[in-house]
Amino acid sequence: MKPVVVRTLNRAVAQKAKMRTQDEEGKRKRLASGELGLDMYEMREALAKAGLVYVDHPEQA
């Protein structure tokens, strides 16, 4: 089944799709460069509040 878009929303939907694609490409590049999703999505603070610690190098813990 093909997606259906109301004609009056064509431009808005296309623009949002383009923006999302660009955003995802940027995230893929950041992850490919070695950045952790944990840092990209600012999750360390949430983990700390839950009493957890992410260990980058377990052998050094």
PDB file of N, CA and C in Angstrom:
ATOM      1  N   MET A   1       0.836  -1.170   0.000  1.00  0.00           N
ATOM      2  CA  MET A   1       0.000   0.000   0.000  1.00  0.00           C
ATOM      3  C   MET A   1       0.887   1.242   0.000  1.00  0.00           C
ATOM      4  N   LYS A   2       0.637   2.163  -0.898  1.00  0.00           N
ATOM      5  CA  LYS A   2       1.432   3.382  -0.997  1.00  0.00           C
ATOM      6  C   LYS A   2       0.938   4.410   0.015  1.00  0.00           C
ATOM      7  N   PRO A   3       1.891   5.219   0.550  1.00  0.00           N
ATOM      8  CA  PRO A   3       1.458   6.284   1.461  1.00  0.00           C
ATOM      9  C   PRO A   3       0.579   7.297   0.726  1.00  0.00           C
ATOM     10  N   VAL A   4      -0.384   7.841   1.422  1.00  0.00           N
ATOM     11  CA  VAL A   4      -1.292   8.822   0.836  1.00  0.00           C
ATOM     12  C   VAL A   4      -1.110  10.141   1.570  1.00  0.00           C
ATOM     13  N   VAL A   5      -0.933  11.219   0.790  1.00  0.00           N
ATOM     14  CA  VAL A   5      -0.777  12.552   1.364  1.00  0.00           C
ATOM     15  C   VAL A   5      -1.845  13.453   0.754  1.00  0.00           C
ATOM     16  N   VAL A   6      -2.555  14.150   1.599  1.00  0.00           N
ATOM     17  CA  VAL A   6      -3.570  15.081   1.129  1.00  0.00           C
ATOM     18  C   VAL A   6      -2.873  16.146   0.279  1.00  0.00           C
ATOM     19  N   ARG A   7      -3.421  16.421  -0.877  1.00  0.00           N
ATOM     20  CA  ARG A   7      -2.801  17.342  -1.836  1.00  0.00           C
ATOM     21  C   ARG A   7      -2.397  18.671  -1.211  1.00  0.00           C
ATOM     22  N   THR A   8      -3.220  19.207  -0.346  1.00  0.00           N
ATOM     23  CA  THR A   8      -2.923  20.513   0.254  1.00  0.00           C
ATOM     24  C   THR A   8      -1.727  20.460   1.213  1.00  0.00           C
ATOM     25  N   LEU A   9      -1.330  19.267   1.600  1.00  0.00           N
ATOM     26  CA  LEU A   9      -0.205  19.113   2.530  1.00  0.00           C
ATOM     27  C   LEU A   9       1.080  18.664   1.834  1.00  0.00           C
ATOM     28  N   ASN A  10       1.068  18.503   0.524  1.00  0.00           N
ATOM     29  CA  ASN A  10       2.220  17.997  -0.215  1.00  0.00           C
ATOM     30  C   ASN A  10       3.522  18.682   0.155  1.00  0.00           C
ATOM     31  N   ARG A  11       3.533  19.998   0.045  1.00  0.00           N
ATOM     32  CA  ARG A  11       4.777  20.750   0.281  1.00  0.00           C
ATOM     33  C   ARG A  11       5.261  20.602   1.717  1.00  0.00           C
ATOM     34  N   ALA A  12       4.351  20.711   2.657  1.00  0.00           N
ATOM     35  CA  ALA A  12       4.731  20.608   4.070  1.00  0.00           C
ATOM     36  C   ALA A  12       5.295  19.225   4.373  1.00  0.00           C
ATOM     37  N   VAL A  13       4.657  18.201   3.859  1.00  0.00           N
ATOM     38  CA  VAL A  13       5.115  16.833   4.095  1.00  0.00           C
ATOM     39  C   VAL A  13       6.473  16.612   3.437  1.00  0.00           C
ATOM     40  N   ALA A  14       6.648  17.092   2.218  1.00  0.00           N
ATOM     41  CA  ALA A  14       7.924  16.941   1.514  1.00  0.00           C
ATOM     42  C   ALA A  14       9.035  17.671   2.259  1.00  0.00           C
ATOM     43  N   GLN A  15       8.761  18.861   2.752  1.00  0.00           N
ATOM     44  CA  GLN A  15       9.764  19.629   3.490  1.00  0.00           C
ATOM     45  C   GLN A  15      10.152  18.913   4.778  1.00  0.00           C
ATOM     46  N   LYS A  16       9.172  18.399   5.502  1.00  0.00           N
ATOM     47  CA  LYS A  16       9.458  17.674   6.738  1.00  0.00           C
ATOM     48  C   LYS A  16      10.267  16.415   6.459  1.00  0.00           C
ATOM     49  N   ALA A  17       9.947  15.722   5.368  1.00  0.00           N
ATOM     50  CA  ALA A  17      10.694  14.521   4.998  1.00  0.00           C
ATOM     51  C   ALA A  17      12.140  14.873   4.669  1.00  0.00           C
ATOM     52  N   LYS A  18      12.335  15.970   3.966  1.00  0.00           N
ATOM     53  CA  LYS A  18      13.694  16.413   3.623  1.00  0.00           C
ATOM     54  C   LYS A  18      14.477  16.764   4.891  1.00  0.00           C
ATOM     55  N   MET A  19      13.838  17.484   5.804  1.00  0.00           N
ATOM     56  CA  MET A  19      14.499  17.863   7.054  1.00  0.00           C
ATOM     57  C   MET A  19      14.860  16.632   7.879  1.00  0.00           C
ATOM     58  N   ARG A  20      13.964  15.662   7.920  1.00  0.00           N
ATOM     59  CA  ARG A  20      14.240  14.450   8.692  1.00  0.00           C
ATOM     60  C   ARG A  20      15.394  13.667   8.074  1.00  0.00           C
ATOM     61  N   THR A  21      15.412  13.579   6.750  1.00  0.00           N
ATOM     62  CA  THR A  21      16.495  12.878   6.065  1.00  0.00           C
ATOM     63  C   THR A  21      17.831  13.543   6.366  1.00  0.00           C
ATOM     64  N   GLN A  22      17.876  14.860   6.312  1.00  0.00           N
ATOM     65  CA  GLN A  22      19.113  15.584   6.605  1.00  0.00           C
ATOM     66  C   GLN A  22      19.536  15.375   8.055  1.00  0.00           C
ATOM     67  N   ASP A  23      18.587  15.396   8.955  1.00  0.00           N
ATOM     68  CA  ASP A  23      18.874  15.181  10.375  1.00  0.00           C
ATOM     69  C   ASP A  23      19.443  13.783  10.598  1.00  0.00           C
ATOM     70  N   GLU A  24      18.843  12.791   9.974  1.00  0.00           N
ATOM     71  CA  GLU A  24      19.308  11.417  10.129  1.00  0.00           C
ATOM     72  C   GLU A  24      20.689  11.231   9.518  1.00  0.00           C
ATOM     73  N   GLU A  25      20.961  11.892   8.391  1.00  0.00           N
ATOM     74  CA  GLU A  25      22.291  11.810   7.787  1.00  0.00           C
ATOM     75  C   GLU A  25      23.338  12.386   8.736  1.00  0.00           C
ATOM     76  N   GLY A  26      23.000  13.494   9.372  1.00  0.00           N
ATOM     77  CA  GLY A  26      23.913  14.099  10.340  1.00  0.00           C
ATOM     78  C   GLY A  26      24.182  13.176  11.513  1.00  0.00           C
ATOM     79  N   LYS A  27      23.148  12.526  12.007  1.00  0.00           N
ATOM     80  CA  LYS A  27      23.320  11.596  13.130  1.00  0.00           C
ATOM     81  C   LYS A  27      24.163  10.395  12.730  1.00  0.00           C
ATOM     82  N   ARG A  28      23.932   9.879  11.520  1.00  0.00           N
ATOM     83  CA  ARG A  28      24.744   8.745  11.051  1.00  0.00           C
ATOM     84  C   ARG A  28      26.215   9.121  10.969  1.00  0.00           C
ATOM     85  N   LYS A  29      26.510  10.329  10.509  1.00  0.00           N
ATOM     86  CA  LYS A  29      27.902  10.793  10.422  1.00  0.00           C
ATOM     87  C   LYS A  29      28.520  10.899  11.805  1.00  0.00           C
ATOM     88  N   ARG A  30      27.764  11.443  12.748  1.00  0.00           N
ATOM     89  CA  ARG A  30      28.277  11.568  14.115  1.00  0.00           C
ATOM     90  C   ARG A  30      28.556  10.204  14.722  1.00  0.00           C
ATOM     91  N   LEU A  31      27.639   9.265  14.543  1.00  0.00           N
ATOM     92  CA  LEU A  31      27.836   7.919  15.071  1.00  0.00           C
ATOM     93  C   LEU A  31      29.010   7.232  14.372  1.00  0.00           C
ATOM     94  N   ALA A  32      29.133   7.408  13.068  1.00  0.00           N
ATOM     95  CA  ALA A  32      30.239   6.800  12.309  1.00  0.00           C
ATOM     96  C   ALA A  32      31.588   7.353  12.742  1.00  0.00           C
ATOM     97  N   SER A  33      31.605   8.594  13.210  1.00  0.00           N
ATOM     98  CA  SER A  33      32.860   9.196  13.650  1.00  0.00           C
ATOM     99  C   SER A  33      33.260   8.720  15.040  1.00  0.00           C
ATOM    100  N   GLY A  34      32.382   7.947  15.687  1.00  0.00           N
ATOM    101  CA  GLY A  34      32.714   7.380  16.982  1.00  0.00           C
ATOM    102  C   GLY A  34      31.953   7.972  18.159  1.00  0.00           C
ATOM    103  N   GLU A  35      31.148   8.994  17.898  1.00  0.00           N
ATOM    104  CA  GLU A  35      30.372   9.574  18.992  1.00  0.00           C
ATOM    105  C   GLU A  35      29.324   8.558  19.446  1.00  0.00           C
ATOM    106  N   LEU A  36      29.178   8.425  20.731  1.00  0.00           N
ATOM    107  CA  LEU A  36      28.208   7.483  21.274  1.00  0.00           C
ATOM    108  C   LEU A  36      26.815   8.089  21.276  1.00  0.00           C
ATOM    109  N   GLY A  37      25.820   7.261  20.970  1.00  0.00           N
ATOM    110  CA  GLY A  37      24.443   7.708  21.051  1.00  0.00           C
ATOM    111  C   GLY A  37      24.130   8.202  22.463  1.00  0.00           C
ATOM    112  N   LEU A  38      24.768   7.610  23.431  1.00  0.00           N
ATOM    113  CA  LEU A  38      24.619   7.999  24.828  1.00  0.00           C
ATOM    114  C   LEU A  38      24.918   9.482  25.012  1.00  0.00           C
ATOM    115  N   ASP A  39      25.958   9.951  24.349  1.00  0.00           N
ATOM    116  CA  ASP A  39      26.335  11.364  24.447  1.00  0.00           C
ATOM    117  C   ASP A  39      25.530  12.223  23.479  1.00  0.00           C
ATOM    118  N   MET A  40      25.296  11.717  22.287  1.00  0.00           N
ATOM    119  CA  MET A  40      24.562  12.464  21.282  1.00  0.00           C
ATOM    120  C   MET A  40      23.156  12.800  21.782  1.00  0.00           C
ATOM    121  N   TYR A  41      22.554  11.883  22.489  1.00  0.00           N
ATOM    122  CA  TYR A  41      21.199  12.081  23.003  1.00  0.00           C
ATOM    123  C   TYR A  41      21.194  12.529  24.468  1.00  0.00           C
ATOM    124  N   GLU A  42      22.385  12.893  24.980  1.00  0.00           N
ATOM    125  CA  GLU A  42      22.539  13.423  26.341  1.00  0.00           C
ATOM    126  C   GLU A  42      21.911  12.522  27.401  1.00  0.00           C
ATOM    127  N   MET A  43      22.286  11.251  27.378  1.00  0.00           N
ATOM    128  CA  MET A  43      21.697  10.277  28.294  1.00  0.00           C
ATOM    129  C   MET A  43      22.505  10.056  29.576  1.00  0.00           C
ATOM    130  N   ARG A  44      23.747  10.532  29.616  1.00  0.00           N
ATOM    131  CA  ARG A  44      24.573  10.281  30.806  1.00  0.00           C
ATOM    132  C   ARG A  44      23.926  10.844  32.079  1.00  0.00           C
ATOM    133  N   GLU A  45      23.367  12.031  31.983  1.00  0.00           N
ATOM    134  CA  GLU A  45      22.743  12.646  33.152  1.00  0.00           C
ATOM    135  C   GLU A  45      21.539  11.824  33.629  1.00  0.00           C
ATOM    136  N   ALA A  46      20.743  11.348  32.686  1.00  0.00           N
ATOM    137  CA  ALA A  46      19.582  10.527  33.057  1.00  0.00           C
ATOM    138  C   ALA A  46      20.033   9.231  33.723  1.00  0.00           C
ATOM    139  N   LEU A  47      21.100   8.641  33.216  1.00  0.00           N
ATOM    140  CA  LEU A  47      21.635   7.425  33.838  1.00  0.00           C
ATOM    141  C   LEU A  47      22.110   7.723  35.257  1.00  0.00           C
ATOM    142  N   ALA A  48      22.823   8.829  35.409  1.00  0.00           N
ATOM    143  CA  ALA A  48      23.338   9.201  36.731  1.00  0.00           C
ATOM    144  C   ALA A  48      22.188   9.425  37.714  1.00  0.00           C
ATOM    145  N   LYS A  49      21.130  10.068  37.263  1.00  0.00           N
ATOM    146  CA  LYS A  49      19.971  10.300  38.138  1.00  0.00           C
ATOM    147  C   LYS A  49      19.329   8.987  38.567  1.00  0.00           C
ATOM    148  N   ALA A  50      19.444   7.966  37.721  1.00  0.00           N
ATOM    149  CA  ALA A  50      18.889   6.647  38.037  1.00  0.00           C
ATOM    150  C   ALA A  50      19.878   5.811  38.853  1.00  0.00           C
ATOM    151  N   GLY A  51      21.040   6.421  39.163  1.00  0.00           N
ATOM    152  CA  GLY A  51      22.044   5.711  39.956  1.00  0.00           C
ATOM    153  C   GLY A  51      22.944   4.806  39.140  1.00  0.00           C
ATOM    154  N   LEU A  52      22.959   5.004  37.833  1.00  0.00           N
ATOM    155  CA  LEU A  52      23.777   4.172  36.959  1.00  0.00           C
ATOM    156  C   LEU A  52      24.951   4.966  36.408  1.00  0.00           C
ATOM    157  N   VAL A  53      26.006   4.248  36.042  1.00  0.00           N
ATOM    158  CA  VAL A  53      27.174   4.886  35.452  1.00  0.00           C
ATOM    159  C   VAL A  53      27.553   4.115  34.205  1.00  0.00           C
ATOM    160  N   TYR A  54      27.730   4.837  33.100  1.00  0.00           N
ATOM    161  CA  TYR A  54      28.200   4.200  31.871  1.00  0.00           C
ATOM    162  C   TYR A  54      29.718   4.150  31.946  1.00  0.00           C
ATOM    163  N   VAL A  55      30.285   2.993  31.699  1.00  0.00           N
ATOM    164  CA  VAL A  55      31.731   2.822  31.762  1.00  0.00           C
ATOM    165  C   VAL A  55      32.250   2.697  30.339  1.00  0.00           C
ATOM    166  N   ASP A  56      33.082   3.664  29.929  1.00  0.00           N
ATOM    167  CA  ASP A  56      33.627   3.648  28.572  1.00  0.00           C
ATOM    168  C   ASP A  56      34.606   2.492  28.376  1.00  0.00           C
ATOM    169  N   HIS A  57      35.405   2.233  29.396  1.00  0.00           N
ATOM    170  CA  HIS A  57      36.426   1.172  29.311  1.00  0.00           C
ATOM    171  C   HIS A  57      36.294   0.272  30.531  1.00  0.00           C
ATOM    172  N   PRO A  58      35.511  -0.807  30.424  1.00  0.00           N
ATOM    173  CA  PRO A  58      35.257  -1.678  31.577  1.00  0.00           C
ATOM    174  C   PRO A  58      36.533  -2.213  32.234  1.00  0.00           C
ATOM    175  N   GLU A  59      37.571  -2.423  31.426  1.00  0.00           N
ATOM    176  CA  GLU A  59      38.808  -2.959  31.979  1.00  0.00           C
ATOM    177  C   GLU A  59      39.488  -1.962  32.938  1.00  0.00           C
ATOM    178  N   GLN A  60      39.107  -0.689  32.863  1.00  0.00           N
ATOM    179  CA  GLN A  60      39.683   0.324  33.724  1.00  0.00           C
ATOM    180  C   GLN A  60      38.791   0.638  34.922  1.00  0.00           C
ATOM    181  N   ALA A  61      37.636   0.007  34.990  1.00  0.00           N
ATOM    182  CA  ALA A  61      36.676   0.309  36.073  1.00  0.00           C
ATOM    183  C   ALA A  61      37.086  -0.353  37.367  1.00  0.00           C
TER     184      ALA A  61
END
